[in-house]
Every structure is written in C-alpha cells, then in structure tokens.
C-alpha cells in the first residue's frame, strides 16, 4: 500500500473515531497512543541526540536527563498555561519536523538552516 493511501485511510479512521467514541474513551485512546508511540518516538530522538551531539561523545545519561528536563518543562507549561504550552509545543514540533526532513543537509549557515527547518515544519503542520 502506498504511503499516501495509508495516510488517507488513517485520517478517515481518526475522524470516524473522533465522532464515534465518547470523550472519555477518546482520552484513554490518546493516553495509550502517547505512552506507546510517543515514548518510542522519544527514545529514537534520544538516540539521535546522543549520536549527533559532540559526535557521539556526550553520554547517554546526559542526553536522557536533558530530554527528561525538556519534557517536564513542557508538561509544566501545559499544566499552568495551557494556551501558551500548546503554541510552544506546535512551534517546537514544526522545527522538529523540518529538522528530521532535512537531517542530511549540510550548511555553514546555521540561521538559514534553522529558518528552513522551522518554516518547512510549520508549513507541514498548518
């Protein structure tokens, strides 16, 4: 199955589930997906961070602690200021999507790379 077909089918499935499931069950499904797929995605991010940072010289412990700190700060922001937490999460996600898409890009222009990552990723989201 082509990825485009898979994306279309899963989008319609998600929309159908959103109108069919009750809000309580929908929340449980969201928690399950976050704790399963989200944690797998996060562990892959930690592996990439550890590999890229200092050419693999930083310890796994440092990468893990840094990642956990960022997650806790994001969680606190969502809890205390939900609207700001959502905006910050979406903007950081935009950068992250662009960064993942252009990971092989080599350039000495860090500001240009940051802009490309950020604007491309936000374009994908919006």
PDB file of N, CA and C in Angstrom:
ATOM      1  N   UNK A   1       0.851  -1.176   0.000  1.00  0.00           N
ATOM      2  CA  UNK A   1       0.000   0.000   0.000  1.00  0.00           C
ATOM      3  C   UNK A   1       0.897   1.239   0.000  1.00  0.00           C
ATOM      4  N   UNK A   2       0.569   2.182  -0.855  1.00  0.00           N
ATOM      5  CA  UNK A   2       1.333   3.425  -0.907  1.00  0.00           C
ATOM      6  C   UNK A   2       1.112   4.220   0.372  1.00  0.00           C
ATOM      7  N   UNK A   3       2.121   5.002   0.735  1.00  0.00           N
ATOM      8  CA  UNK A   3       2.034   5.788   1.970  1.00  0.00           C
ATOM      9  C   UNK A   3       0.900   6.810   1.897  1.00  0.00           C
ATOM     10  N   UNK A   4       0.648   7.351   0.696  1.00  0.00           N
ATOM     11  CA  UNK A   4      -0.440   8.325   0.552  1.00  0.00           C
ATOM     12  C   UNK A   4      -1.786   7.677   0.866  1.00  0.00           C
ATOM     13  N   UNK A   5      -1.989   6.458   0.373  1.00  0.00           N
ATOM     14  CA  UNK A   5      -3.234   5.742   0.658  1.00  0.00           C
ATOM     15  C   UNK A   5      -3.358   5.433   2.144  1.00  0.00           C
ATOM     16  N   UNK A   6      -2.253   5.031   2.751  1.00  0.00           N
ATOM     17  CA  UNK A   6      -2.248   4.746   4.183  1.00  0.00           C
ATOM     18  C   UNK A   6      -2.615   6.000   4.975  1.00  0.00           C
ATOM     19  N   UNK A   7      -2.042   7.139   4.591  1.00  0.00           N
ATOM     20  CA  UNK A   7      -2.335   8.396   5.285  1.00  0.00           C
ATOM     21  C   UNK A   7      -3.801   8.776   5.154  1.00  0.00           C
ATOM     22  N   UNK A   8      -4.369   8.593   3.975  1.00  0.00           N
ATOM     23  CA  UNK A   8      -5.782   8.925   3.763  1.00  0.00           C
ATOM     24  C   UNK A   8      -6.668   8.022   4.612  1.00  0.00           C
ATOM     25  N   UNK A   9      -6.383   6.727   4.586  1.00  0.00           N
ATOM     26  CA  UNK A   9      -7.195   5.774   5.358  1.00  0.00           C
ATOM     27  C   UNK A   9      -7.099   6.064   6.852  1.00  0.00           C
ATOM     28  N   UNK A  10      -5.897   6.301   7.364  1.00  0.00           N
ATOM     29  CA  UNK A  10      -5.756   6.559   8.804  1.00  0.00           C
ATOM     30  C   UNK A  10      -6.383   7.894   9.197  1.00  0.00           C
ATOM     31  N   UNK A  11      -6.350   8.878   8.307  1.00  0.00           N
ATOM     32  CA  UNK A  11      -7.008  10.156   8.602  1.00  0.00           C
ATOM     33  C   UNK A  11      -8.510   9.960   8.743  1.00  0.00           C
ATOM     34  N   UNK A  12      -9.119   9.237   7.803  1.00  0.00           N
ATOM     35  CA  UNK A  12     -10.557   8.992   7.897  1.00  0.00           C
ATOM     36  C   UNK A  12     -10.903   8.128   9.111  1.00  0.00           C
ATOM     37  N   UNK A  13     -10.043   7.167   9.429  1.00  0.00           N
ATOM     38  CA  UNK A  13     -10.264   6.352  10.624  1.00  0.00           C
ATOM     39  C   UNK A  13     -10.235   7.226  11.876  1.00  0.00           C
ATOM     40  N   UNK A  14      -9.267   8.122  11.954  1.00  0.00           N
ATOM     41  CA  UNK A  14      -9.164   9.014  13.116  1.00  0.00           C
ATOM     42  C   UNK A  14     -10.381   9.930  13.211  1.00  0.00           C
ATOM     43  N   UNK A  15     -10.839  10.462  12.078  1.00  0.00           N
ATOM     44  CA  UNK A  15     -12.033  11.318  12.091  1.00  0.00           C
ATOM     45  C   UNK A  15     -13.263  10.526  12.514  1.00  0.00           C
ATOM     46  N   UNK A  16     -13.389   9.298  12.027  1.00  0.00           N
ATOM     47  CA  UNK A  16     -14.517   8.457  12.399  1.00  0.00           C
ATOM     48  C   UNK A  16     -14.490   8.150  13.893  1.00  0.00           C
ATOM     49  N   UNK A  17     -13.304   7.815  14.411  1.00  0.00           N
ATOM     50  CA  UNK A  17     -13.182   7.545  15.845  1.00  0.00           C
ATOM     51  C   UNK A  17     -13.525   8.778  16.674  1.00  0.00           C
ATOM     52  N   UNK A  18     -13.144   9.955  16.182  1.00  0.00           N
ATOM     53  CA  UNK A  18     -13.395  11.190  16.930  1.00  0.00           C
ATOM     54  C   UNK A  18     -14.887  11.460  17.092  1.00  0.00           C
ATOM     55  N   UNK A  19     -15.691  11.109  16.097  1.00  0.00           N
ATOM     56  CA  UNK A  19     -17.130  11.363  16.216  1.00  0.00           C
ATOM     57  C   UNK A  19     -17.880  10.174  16.797  1.00  0.00           C
ATOM     58  N   UNK A  20     -17.267   8.990  16.798  1.00  0.00           N
ATOM     59  CA  UNK A  20     -17.937   7.786  17.288  1.00  0.00           C
ATOM     60  C   UNK A  20     -17.691   7.539  18.770  1.00  0.00           C
ATOM     61  N   UNK A  21     -16.459   7.707  19.209  1.00  0.00           N
ATOM     62  CA  UNK A  21     -16.109   7.425  20.601  1.00  0.00           C
ATOM     63  C   UNK A  21     -16.582   8.545  21.520  1.00  0.00           C
ATOM     64  N   UNK A  22     -16.892   8.190  22.721  1.00  0.00           N
ATOM     65  CA  UNK A  22     -17.173   9.200  23.728  1.00  0.00           C
ATOM     66  C   UNK A  22     -15.881   9.895  24.131  1.00  0.00           C
ATOM     67  N   UNK A  23     -16.010  11.054  24.748  1.00  0.00           N
ATOM     68  CA  UNK A  23     -14.811  11.833  25.080  1.00  0.00           C
ATOM     69  C   UNK A  23     -13.911  11.099  26.080  1.00  0.00           C
ATOM     70  N   UNK A  24     -14.503  10.357  27.000  1.00  0.00           N
ATOM     71  CA  UNK A  24     -13.692   9.637  27.986  1.00  0.00           C
ATOM     72  C   UNK A  24     -12.862   8.544  27.305  1.00  0.00           C
ATOM     73  N   UNK A  25     -13.485   7.773  26.434  1.00  0.00           N
ATOM     74  CA  UNK A  25     -12.774   6.717  25.713  1.00  0.00           C
ATOM     75  C   UNK A  25     -11.743   7.312  24.753  1.00  0.00           C
ATOM     76  N   UNK A  26     -12.093   8.431  24.145  1.00  0.00           N
ATOM     77  CA  UNK A  26     -11.154   9.114  23.253  1.00  0.00           C
ATOM     78  C   UNK A  26      -9.913   9.573  24.020  1.00  0.00           C
ATOM     79  N   UNK A  27     -10.109  10.065  25.239  1.00  0.00           N
ATOM     80  CA  UNK A  27      -8.970  10.465  26.070  1.00  0.00           C
ATOM     81  C   UNK A  27      -8.092   9.266  26.421  1.00  0.00           C
ATOM     82  N   UNK A  28      -8.711   8.137  26.770  1.00  0.00           N
ATOM     83  CA  UNK A  28      -7.931   6.936  27.079  1.00  0.00           C
ATOM     84  C   UNK A  28      -7.124   6.474  25.863  1.00  0.00           C
ATOM     85  N   UNK A  29      -7.733   6.544  24.681  1.00  0.00           N
ATOM     86  CA  UNK A  29      -7.018   6.178  23.460  1.00  0.00           C
ATOM     87  C   UNK A  29      -5.834   7.122  23.234  1.00  0.00           C
ATOM     88  N   UNK A  30      -6.050   8.409  23.468  1.00  0.00           N
ATOM     89  CA  UNK A  30      -4.964   9.385  23.313  1.00  0.00           C
ATOM     90  C   UNK A  30      -3.832   9.090  24.293  1.00  0.00           C
ATOM     91  N   UNK A  31      -4.169   8.807  25.546  1.00  0.00           N
ATOM     92  CA  UNK A  31      -3.137   8.484  26.540  1.00  0.00           C
ATOM     93  C   UNK A  31      -2.356   7.237  26.128  1.00  0.00           C
ATOM     94  N   UNK A  32      -3.083   6.223  25.657  1.00  0.00           N
ATOM     95  CA  UNK A  32      -2.428   4.993  25.223  1.00  0.00           C
ATOM     96  C   UNK A  32      -1.454   5.263  24.074  1.00  0.00           C
ATOM     97  N   UNK A  33      -1.898   6.038  23.089  1.00  0.00           N
ATOM     98  CA  UNK A  33      -1.037   6.327  21.937  1.00  0.00           C
ATOM     99  C   UNK A  33       0.172   7.165  22.338  1.00  0.00           C
ATOM    100  N   UNK A  34      -0.039   8.114  23.236  1.00  0.00           N
ATOM    101  CA  UNK A  34       1.083   8.933  23.705  1.00  0.00           C
ATOM    102  C   UNK A  34       2.095   8.063  24.443  1.00  0.00           C
ATOM    103  N   UNK A  35       1.599   7.187  25.314  1.00  0.00           N
ATOM    104  CA  UNK A  35       2.501   6.358  26.111  1.00  0.00           C
ATOM    105  C   UNK A  35       3.151   5.236  25.309  1.00  0.00           C
ATOM    106  N   UNK A  36       2.575   4.865  24.178  1.00  0.00           N
ATOM    107  CA  UNK A  36       3.196   3.814  23.363  1.00  0.00           C
ATOM    108  C   UNK A  36       4.014   4.429  22.230  1.00  0.00           C
ATOM    109  N   UNK A  37       3.370   5.036  21.277  1.00  0.00           N
ATOM    110  CA  UNK A  37       4.077   5.611  20.126  1.00  0.00           C
ATOM    111  C   UNK A  37       4.933   6.799  20.546  1.00  0.00           C
ATOM    112  N   UNK A  38       4.420   7.622  21.436  1.00  0.00           N
ATOM    113  CA  UNK A  38       5.172   8.800  21.873  1.00  0.00           C
ATOM    114  C   UNK A  38       6.478   8.445  22.557  1.00  0.00           C
ATOM    115  N   UNK A  39       6.451   7.443  23.398  1.00  0.00           N
ATOM    116  CA  UNK A  39       7.676   7.032  24.095  1.00  0.00           C
ATOM    117  C   UNK A  39       8.671   6.409  23.114  1.00  0.00           C
ATOM    118  N   UNK A  40       8.175   5.624  22.158  1.00  0.00           N
ATOM    119  CA  UNK A  40       9.070   5.063  21.141  1.00  0.00           C
ATOM    120  C   UNK A  40       9.719   6.173  20.316  1.00  0.00           C
ATOM    121  N   UNK A  41       8.925   7.170  19.951  1.00  0.00           N
ATOM    122  CA  UNK A  41       9.455   8.304  19.188  1.00  0.00           C
ATOM    123  C   UNK A  41      10.490   9.059  20.021  1.00  0.00           C
ATOM    124  N   UNK A  42      10.189   9.272  21.284  1.00  0.00           N
ATOM    125  CA  UNK A  42      11.122   9.974  22.164  1.00  0.00           C
ATOM    126  C   UNK A  42      12.427   9.222  22.346  1.00  0.00           C
ATOM    127  N   UNK A  43      12.348   7.897  22.454  1.00  0.00           N
ATOM    128  CA  UNK A  43      13.585   7.124  22.613  1.00  0.00           C
ATOM    129  C   UNK A  43      14.440   7.212  21.356  1.00  0.00           C
ATOM    130  N   UNK A  44      13.809   7.277  20.205  1.00  0.00           N
ATOM    131  CA  UNK A  44      14.558   7.457  18.963  1.00  0.00           C
ATOM    132  C   UNK A  44      15.205   8.840  18.933  1.00  0.00           C
ATOM    133  N   UNK A  45      14.489   9.857  19.408  1.00  0.00           N
ATOM    134  CA  UNK A  45      15.063  11.209  19.483  1.00  0.00           C
ATOM    135  C   UNK A  45      16.288  11.228  20.391  1.00  0.00           C
ATOM    136  N   UNK A  46      16.207  10.543  21.510  1.00  0.00           N
ATOM    137  CA  UNK A  46      17.343  10.499  22.442  1.00  0.00           C
ATOM    138  C   UNK A  46      18.546   9.847  21.767  1.00  0.00           C
ATOM    139  N   UNK A  47      18.301   8.796  21.023  1.00  0.00           N
ATOM    140  CA  UNK A  47      19.385   8.116  20.304  1.00  0.00           C
ATOM    141  C   UNK A  47      20.023   9.056  19.279  1.00  0.00           C
ATOM    142  N   UNK A  48      19.194   9.798  18.554  1.00  0.00           N
ATOM    143  CA  UNK A  48      19.713  10.742  17.557  1.00  0.00           C
ATOM    144  C   UNK A  48      20.485  11.867  18.238  1.00  0.00           C
ATOM    145  N   UNK A  49      19.940  12.404  19.325  1.00  0.00           N
ATOM    146  CA  UNK A  49      20.625  13.476  20.058  1.00  0.00           C
ATOM    147  C   UNK A  49      21.988  12.991  20.531  1.00  0.00           C
ATOM    148  N   UNK A  50      22.026  11.804  21.097  1.00  0.00           N
ATOM    149  CA  UNK A  50      23.278  11.252  21.616  1.00  0.00           C
ATOM    150  C   UNK A  50      24.295  11.042  20.498  1.00  0.00           C
ATOM    151  N   UNK A  51      23.822  10.660  19.324  1.00  0.00           N
ATOM    152  CA  UNK A  51      24.715  10.416  18.194  1.00  0.00           C
ATOM    153  C   UNK A  51      25.247  11.727  17.608  1.00  0.00           C
ATOM    154  N   UNK A  52      24.380  12.722  17.475  1.00  0.00           N
ATOM    155  CA  UNK A  52      24.751  13.980  16.820  1.00  0.00           C
ATOM    156  C   UNK A  52      25.541  14.896  17.746  1.00  0.00           C
ATOM    157  N   UNK A  53      25.151  14.952  18.997  1.00  0.00           N
ATOM    158  CA  UNK A  53      25.765  15.874  19.947  1.00  0.00           C
ATOM    159  C   UNK A  53      27.217  15.486  20.201  1.00  0.00           C
ATOM    160  N   UNK A  54      28.105  16.393  19.929  1.00  0.00           N
ATOM    161  CA  UNK A  54      29.543  16.178  20.147  1.00  0.00           C
ATOM    162  C   UNK A  54      30.059  14.923  19.453  1.00  0.00           C
ATOM    163  N   UNK A  55      29.487  14.617  18.299  1.00  0.00           N
ATOM    164  CA  UNK A  55      29.896  13.436  17.528  1.00  0.00           C
ATOM    165  C   UNK A  55      29.851  12.155  18.360  1.00  0.00           C
ATOM    166  N   UNK A  56      28.823  12.031  19.186  1.00  0.00           N
ATOM    167  CA  UNK A  56      28.647  10.822  19.981  1.00  0.00           C
ATOM    168  C   UNK A  56      29.442  10.794  21.264  1.00  0.00           C
ATOM    169  N   UNK A  57      30.105  11.899  21.626  1.00  0.00           N
ATOM    170  CA  UNK A  57      30.950  11.914  22.823  1.00  0.00           C
ATOM    171  C   UNK A  57      30.164  12.200  24.101  1.00  0.00           C
ATOM    172  N   UNK A  58      28.963  12.786  23.968  1.00  0.00           N
ATOM    173  CA  UNK A  58      28.184  13.030  25.179  1.00  0.00           C
ATOM    174  C   UNK A  58      27.591  11.705  25.646  1.00  0.00           C
ATOM    175  N   UNK A  59      27.412  11.596  26.926  1.00  0.00           N
ATOM    176  CA  UNK A  59      26.936  10.327  27.469  1.00  0.00           C
ATOM    177  C   UNK A  59      25.429  10.196  27.286  1.00  0.00           C
ATOM    178  N   UNK A  60      24.986   8.965  27.264  1.00  0.00           N
ATOM    179  CA  UNK A  60      23.559   8.682  27.171  1.00  0.00           C
ATOM    180  C   UNK A  60      22.838   9.282  28.368  1.00  0.00           C
ATOM    181  N   UNK A  61      23.487   9.258  29.522  1.00  0.00           N
ATOM    182  CA  UNK A  61      22.907   9.807  30.748  1.00  0.00           C
ATOM    183  C   UNK A  61      22.623  11.303  30.585  1.00  0.00           C
ATOM    184  N   UNK A  62      23.577  12.052  30.018  1.00  0.00           N
ATOM    185  CA  UNK A  62      23.381  13.490  29.800  1.00  0.00           C
ATOM    186  C   UNK A  62      22.232  13.739  28.832  1.00  0.00           C
ATOM    187  N   UNK A  63      22.194  12.996  27.741  1.00  0.00           N
ATOM    188  CA  UNK A  63      21.132  13.163  26.748  1.00  0.00           C
ATOM    189  C   UNK A  63      19.773  12.842  27.352  1.00  0.00           C
ATOM    190  N   UNK A  64      19.703  11.768  28.110  1.00  0.00           N
ATOM    191  CA  UNK A  64      18.448  11.354  28.729  1.00  0.00           C
ATOM    192  C   UNK A  64      17.969  12.384  29.747  1.00  0.00           C
ATOM    193  N   UNK A  65      18.871  12.878  30.588  1.00  0.00           N
ATOM    194  CA  UNK A  65      18.489  13.884  31.585  1.00  0.00           C
ATOM    195  C   UNK A  65      18.016  15.173  30.922  1.00  0.00           C
ATOM    196  N   UNK A  66      18.706  15.593  29.878  1.00  0.00           N
ATOM    197  CA  UNK A  66      18.289  16.788  29.144  1.00  0.00           C
ATOM    198  C   UNK A  66      16.919  16.620  28.517  1.00  0.00           C
ATOM    199  N   UNK A  67      16.682  15.457  27.928  1.00  0.00           N
ATOM    200  CA  UNK A  67      15.397  15.179  27.290  1.00  0.00           C
ATOM    201  C   UNK A  67      14.272  15.146  28.328  1.00  0.00           C
ATOM    202  N   UNK A  68      14.519  14.491  29.451  1.00  0.00           N
ATOM    203  CA  UNK A  68      13.510  14.419  30.514  1.00  0.00           C
ATOM    204  C   UNK A  68      13.213  15.810  31.062  1.00  0.00           C
ATOM    205  N   UNK A  69      14.235  16.645  31.224  1.00  0.00           N
ATOM    206  CA  UNK A  69      14.032  18.012  31.700  1.00  0.00           C
ATOM    207  C   UNK A  69      13.144  18.799  30.739  1.00  0.00           C
ATOM    208  N   UNK A  70      13.385  18.667  29.448  1.00  0.00           N
ATOM    209  CA  UNK A  70      12.565  19.365  28.454  1.00  0.00           C
ATOM    210  C   UNK A  70      11.122  18.873  28.509  1.00  0.00           C
ATOM    211  N   UNK A  71      10.927  17.567  28.637  1.00  0.00           N
ATOM    212  CA  UNK A  71       9.576  17.010  28.727  1.00  0.00           C
ATOM    213  C   UNK A  71       8.864  17.529  29.977  1.00  0.00           C
ATOM    214  N   UNK A  72       9.559  17.566  31.109  1.00  0.00           N
ATOM    215  CA  UNK A  72       8.950  18.062  32.351  1.00  0.00           C
ATOM    216  C   UNK A  72       8.604  19.544  32.259  1.00  0.00           C
ATOM    217  N   UNK A  73       9.491  20.331  31.651  1.00  0.00           N
ATOM    218  CA  UNK A  73       9.194  21.756  31.470  1.00  0.00           C
ATOM    219  C   UNK A  73       7.980  21.950  30.563  1.00  0.00           C
ATOM    220  N   UNK A  74       7.910  21.175  29.491  1.00  0.00           N
ATOM    221  CA  UNK A  74       6.755  21.248  28.594  1.00  0.00           C
ATOM    222  C   UNK A  74       5.469  20.842  29.291  1.00  0.00           C
ATOM    223  N   UNK A  75       5.541  19.804  30.106  1.00  0.00           N
ATOM    224  CA  UNK A  75       4.370  19.351  30.854  1.00  0.00           C
ATOM    225  C   UNK A  75       3.913  20.420  31.841  1.00  0.00           C
ATOM    226  N   UNK A  76       4.850  21.032  32.540  1.00  0.00           N
ATOM    227  CA  UNK A  76       4.502  22.098  33.489  1.00  0.00           C
ATOM    228  C   UNK A  76       3.880  23.284  32.765  1.00  0.00           C
ATOM    229  N   UNK A  77       4.425  23.638  31.611  1.00  0.00           N
ATOM    230  CA  UNK A  77       3.870  24.751  30.845  1.00  0.00           C
ATOM    231  C   UNK A  77       2.447  24.440  30.408  1.00  0.00           C
ATOM    232  N   UNK A  78       2.204  23.217  29.930  1.00  0.00           N
ATOM    233  CA  UNK A  78       0.849  22.806  29.550  1.00  0.00           C
ATOM    234  C   UNK A  78      -0.099  22.856  30.745  1.00  0.00           C
ATOM    235  N   UNK A  79       0.381  22.470  31.901  1.00  0.00           N
ATOM    236  CA  UNK A  79      -0.474  22.415  33.086  1.00  0.00           C
ATOM    237  C   UNK A  79      -0.833  23.812  33.585  1.00  0.00           C
ATOM    238  N   UNK A  80       0.167  24.699  33.670  1.00  0.00           N
ATOM    239  CA  UNK A  80      -0.064  26.013  34.264  1.00  0.00           C
ATOM    240  C   UNK A  80      -0.564  27.056  33.267  1.00  0.00           C
ATOM    241  N   UNK A  81      -0.108  26.997  32.022  1.00  0.00           N
ATOM    242  CA  UNK A  81      -0.538  27.964  31.000  1.00  0.00           C
ATOM    243  C   UNK A  81      -0.842  27.177  29.720  1.00  0.00           C
ATOM    244  N   UNK A  82      -2.000  26.525  29.653  1.00  0.00           N
ATOM    245  CA  UNK A  82      -2.290  25.615  28.541  1.00  0.00           C
ATOM    246  C   UNK A  82      -2.199  26.251  27.148  1.00  0.00           C
ATOM    247  N   UNK A  83      -2.718  27.446  26.971  1.00  0.00           N
ATOM    248  CA  UNK A  83      -2.691  28.074  25.642  1.00  0.00           C
ATOM    249  C   UNK A  83      -1.252  28.318  25.187  1.00  0.00           C
ATOM    250  N   UNK A  84      -0.431  28.852  26.065  1.00  0.00           N
ATOM    251  CA  UNK A  84       0.971  29.090  25.732  1.00  0.00           C
ATOM    252  C   UNK A  84       1.701  27.765  25.515  1.00  0.00           C
ATOM    253  N   UNK A  85       1.395  26.780  26.339  1.00  0.00           N
ATOM    254  CA  UNK A  85       2.006  25.463  26.184  1.00  0.00           C
ATOM    255  C   UNK A  85       1.708  24.862  24.818  1.00  0.00           C
ATOM    256  N   UNK A  86       0.469  25.014  24.354  1.00  0.00           N
ATOM    257  CA  UNK A  86       0.096  24.489  23.045  1.00  0.00           C
ATOM    258  C   UNK A  86       0.841  25.210  21.927  1.00  0.00           C
ATOM    259  N   UNK A  87       0.913  26.536  22.006  1.00  0.00           N
ATOM    260  CA  UNK A  87       1.616  27.314  20.979  1.00  0.00           C
ATOM    261  C   UNK A  87       3.093  26.928  20.935  1.00  0.00           C
ATOM    262  N   UNK A  88       3.724  26.862  22.091  1.00  0.00           N
ATOM    263  CA  UNK A  88       5.146  26.498  22.152  1.00  0.00           C
ATOM    264  C   UNK A  88       5.350  25.078  21.612  1.00  0.00           C
ATOM    265  N   UNK A  89       4.477  24.153  21.988  1.00  0.00           N
ATOM    266  CA  UNK A  89       4.585  22.776  21.511  1.00  0.00           C
ATOM    267  C   UNK A  89       4.476  22.706  19.993  1.00  0.00           C
ATOM    268  N   UNK A  90       3.511  23.416  19.413  1.00  0.00           N
ATOM    269  CA  UNK A  90       3.325  23.394  17.956  1.00  0.00           C
ATOM    270  C   UNK A  90       4.532  24.001  17.247  1.00  0.00           C
ATOM    271  N   UNK A  91       5.065  25.104  17.773  1.00  0.00           N
ATOM    272  CA  UNK A  91       6.225  25.735  17.139  1.00  0.00           C
ATOM    273  C   UNK A  91       7.470  24.847  17.223  1.00  0.00           C
ATOM    274  N   UNK A  92       7.689  24.241  18.375  1.00  0.00           N
ATOM    275  CA  UNK A  92       8.835  23.331  18.516  1.00  0.00           C
ATOM    276  C   UNK A  92       8.644  22.096  17.636  1.00  0.00           C
ATOM    277  N   UNK A  93       7.412  21.604  17.544  1.00  0.00           N
ATOM    278  CA  UNK A  93       7.139  20.460  16.671  1.00  0.00           C
ATOM    279  C   UNK A  93       7.411  20.807  15.217  1.00  0.00           C
ATOM    280  N   UNK A  94       7.053  22.026  14.818  1.00  0.00           N
ATOM    281  CA  UNK A  94       7.340  22.465  13.453  1.00  0.00           C
ATOM    282  C   UNK A  94       8.824  22.415  13.162  1.00  0.00           C
ATOM    283  N   UNK A  95       9.620  22.957  14.068  1.00  0.00           N
ATOM    284  CA  UNK A  95      11.075  22.910  13.900  1.00  0.00           C
ATOM    285  C   UNK A  95      11.556  21.459  13.825  1.00  0.00           C
ATOM    286  N   UNK A  96      11.038  20.630  14.711  1.00  0.00           N
ATOM    287  CA  UNK A  96      11.452  19.223  14.787  1.00  0.00           C
ATOM    288  C   UNK A  96      11.134  18.484  13.483  1.00  0.00           C
ATOM    289  N   UNK A  97       9.941  18.719  12.911  1.00  0.00           N
ATOM    290  CA  UNK A  97       9.579  18.074  11.647  1.00  0.00           C
ATOM    291  C   UNK A  97      10.533  18.489  10.536  1.00  0.00           C
ATOM    292  N   UNK A  98      10.812  19.784  10.456  1.00  0.00           N
ATOM    293  CA  UNK A  98      11.736  20.268   9.438  1.00  0.00           C
ATOM    294  C   UNK A  98      13.132  19.719   9.632  1.00  0.00           C
ATOM    295  N   UNK A  99      13.567  19.656  10.879  1.00  0.00           N
ATOM    296  CA  UNK A  99      14.895  19.133  11.201  1.00  0.00           C
ATOM    297  C   UNK A  99      15.015  17.669  10.779  1.00  0.00           C
ATOM    298  N   UNK A 100      13.978  16.890  11.038  1.00  0.00           N
ATOM    299  CA  UNK A 100      14.004  15.479  10.660  1.00  0.00           C
ATOM    300  C   UNK A 100      14.005  15.311   9.143  1.00  0.00           C
ATOM    301  N   UNK A 101      13.242  16.167   8.449  1.00  0.00           N
ATOM    302  CA  UNK A 101      13.138  16.053   6.997  1.00  0.00           C
ATOM    303  C   UNK A 101      14.453  16.403   6.304  1.00  0.00           C
ATOM    304  N   UNK A 102      15.136  17.412   6.813  1.00  0.00           N
ATOM    305  CA  UNK A 102      16.373  17.883   6.191  1.00  0.00           C
ATOM    306  C   UNK A 102      17.608  17.486   7.004  1.00  0.00           C
ATOM    307  N   UNK A 103      17.569  16.350   7.661  1.00  0.00           N
ATOM    308  CA  UNK A 103      18.669  15.957   8.549  1.00  0.00           C
ATOM    309  C   UNK A 103      19.997  15.779   7.815  1.00  0.00           C
ATOM    310  N   UNK A 104      19.953  15.457   6.530  1.00  0.00           N
ATOM    311  CA  UNK A 104      21.194  15.244   5.777  1.00  0.00           C
ATOM    312  C   UNK A 104      21.770  16.550   5.222  1.00  0.00           C
ATOM    313  N   UNK A 105      21.060  17.647   5.388  1.00  0.00           N
ATOM    314  CA  UNK A 105      21.507  18.934   4.856  1.00  0.00           C
ATOM    315  C   UNK A 105      22.746  19.416   5.600  1.00  0.00           C
ATOM    316  N   UNK A 106      23.771  19.740   4.844  1.00  0.00           N
ATOM    317  CA  UNK A 106      24.990  20.282   5.444  1.00  0.00           C
ATOM    318  C   UNK A 106      25.137  21.724   5.000  1.00  0.00           C
ATOM    319  N   UNK A 107      25.286  22.614   5.957  1.00  0.00           N
ATOM    320  CA  UNK A 107      25.436  24.031   5.647  1.00  0.00           C
ATOM    321  C   UNK A 107      26.159  24.716   6.794  1.00  0.00           C
ATOM    322  N   UNK A 108      26.960  25.723   6.435  1.00  0.00           N
ATOM    323  CA  UNK A 108      27.642  26.517   7.455  1.00  0.00           C
ATOM    324  C   UNK A 108      26.756  27.642   7.968  1.00  0.00           C
ATOM    325  N   UNK A 109      25.631  27.874   7.315  1.00  0.00           N
ATOM    326  CA  UNK A 109      24.733  28.967   7.670  1.00  0.00           C
ATOM    327  C   UNK A 109      23.672  28.461   8.647  1.00  0.00           C
ATOM    328  N   UNK A 110      23.991  28.528   9.933  1.00  0.00           N
ATOM    329  CA  UNK A 110      23.114  27.971  10.961  1.00  0.00           C
ATOM    330  C   UNK A 110      21.760  28.673  11.014  1.00  0.00           C
ATOM    331  N   UNK A 111      21.754  29.993  10.820  1.00  0.00           N
ATOM    332  CA  UNK A 111      20.489  30.730  10.860  1.00  0.00           C
ATOM    333  C   UNK A 111      19.601  30.304   9.698  1.00  0.00           C
ATOM    334  N   UNK A 112      20.188  30.124   8.522  1.00  0.00           N
ATOM    335  CA  UNK A 112      19.417  29.678   7.359  1.00  0.00           C
ATOM    336  C   UNK A 112      18.866  28.271   7.584  1.00  0.00           C
ATOM    337  N   UNK A 113      19.679  27.381   8.162  1.00  0.00           N
ATOM    338  CA  UNK A 113      19.211  26.027   8.459  1.00  0.00           C
ATOM    339  C   UNK A 113      18.056  26.065   9.453  1.00  0.00           C
ATOM    340  N   UNK A 114      18.209  26.876  10.497  1.00  0.00           N
ATOM    341  CA  UNK A 114      17.144  26.995  11.493  1.00  0.00           C
ATOM    342  C   UNK A 114      15.860  27.482  10.825  1.00  0.00           C
ATOM    343  N   UNK A 115      15.974  28.516   9.997  1.00  0.00           N
ATOM    344  CA  UNK A 115      14.798  29.053   9.309  1.00  0.00           C
ATOM    345  C   UNK A 115      14.147  28.029   8.402  1.00  0.00           C
ATOM    346  N   UNK A 116      14.961  27.291   7.657  1.00  0.00           N
ATOM    347  CA  UNK A 116      14.423  26.255   6.774  1.00  0.00           C
ATOM    348  C   UNK A 116      13.701  25.186   7.580  1.00  0.00           C
ATOM    349  N   UNK A 117      14.335  24.689   8.618  1.00  0.00           N
ATOM    350  CA  UNK A 117      13.708  23.667   9.461  1.00  0.00           C
ATOM    351  C   UNK A 117      12.377  24.171  10.022  1.00  0.00           C
ATOM    352  N   UNK A 118      12.414  25.367  10.588  1.00  0.00           N
ATOM    353  CA  UNK A 118      11.236  25.912  11.262  1.00  0.00           C
ATOM    354  C   UNK A 118      10.092  26.167  10.284  1.00  0.00           C
ATOM    355  N   UNK A 119      10.367  26.880   9.201  1.00  0.00           N
ATOM    356  CA  UNK A 119       9.291  27.252   8.284  1.00  0.00           C
ATOM    357  C   UNK A 119       8.765  26.055   7.498  1.00  0.00           C
ATOM    358  N   UNK A 120       9.640  25.144   7.116  1.00  0.00           N
ATOM    359  CA  UNK A 120       9.169  23.939   6.433  1.00  0.00           C
ATOM    360  C   UNK A 120       8.289  23.113   7.374  1.00  0.00           C
ATOM    361  N   UNK A 121       8.751  22.906   8.586  1.00  0.00           N
ATOM    362  CA  UNK A 121       7.983  22.120   9.546  1.00  0.00           C
ATOM    363  C   UNK A 121       6.646  22.750   9.883  1.00  0.00           C
ATOM    364  N   UNK A 122       6.623  24.063  10.060  1.00  0.00           N
ATOM    365  CA  UNK A 122       5.354  24.750  10.339  1.00  0.00           C
ATOM    366  C   UNK A 122       4.426  24.691   9.133  1.00  0.00           C
ATOM    367  N   UNK A 123       4.998  24.737   7.925  1.00  0.00           N
ATOM    368  CA  UNK A 123       4.191  24.601   6.717  1.00  0.00           C
ATOM    369  C   UNK A 123       3.505  23.238   6.696  1.00  0.00           C
ATOM    370  N   UNK A 124       4.217  22.204   7.101  1.00  0.00           N
ATOM    371  CA  UNK A 124       3.645  20.856   7.146  1.00  0.00           C
ATOM    372  C   UNK A 124       2.499  20.802   8.158  1.00  0.00           C
ATOM    373  N   UNK A 125       2.684  21.438   9.303  1.00  0.00           N
ATOM    374  CA  UNK A 125       1.661  21.403  10.356  1.00  0.00           C
ATOM    375  C   UNK A 125       0.417  22.185   9.952  1.00  0.00           C
ATOM    376  N   UNK A 126       0.631  23.368   9.402  1.00  0.00           N
ATOM    377  CA  UNK A 126      -0.505  24.227   9.084  1.00  0.00           C
ATOM    378  C   UNK A 126      -0.959  24.014   7.662  1.00  0.00           C
TER     379      UNK A 126
END
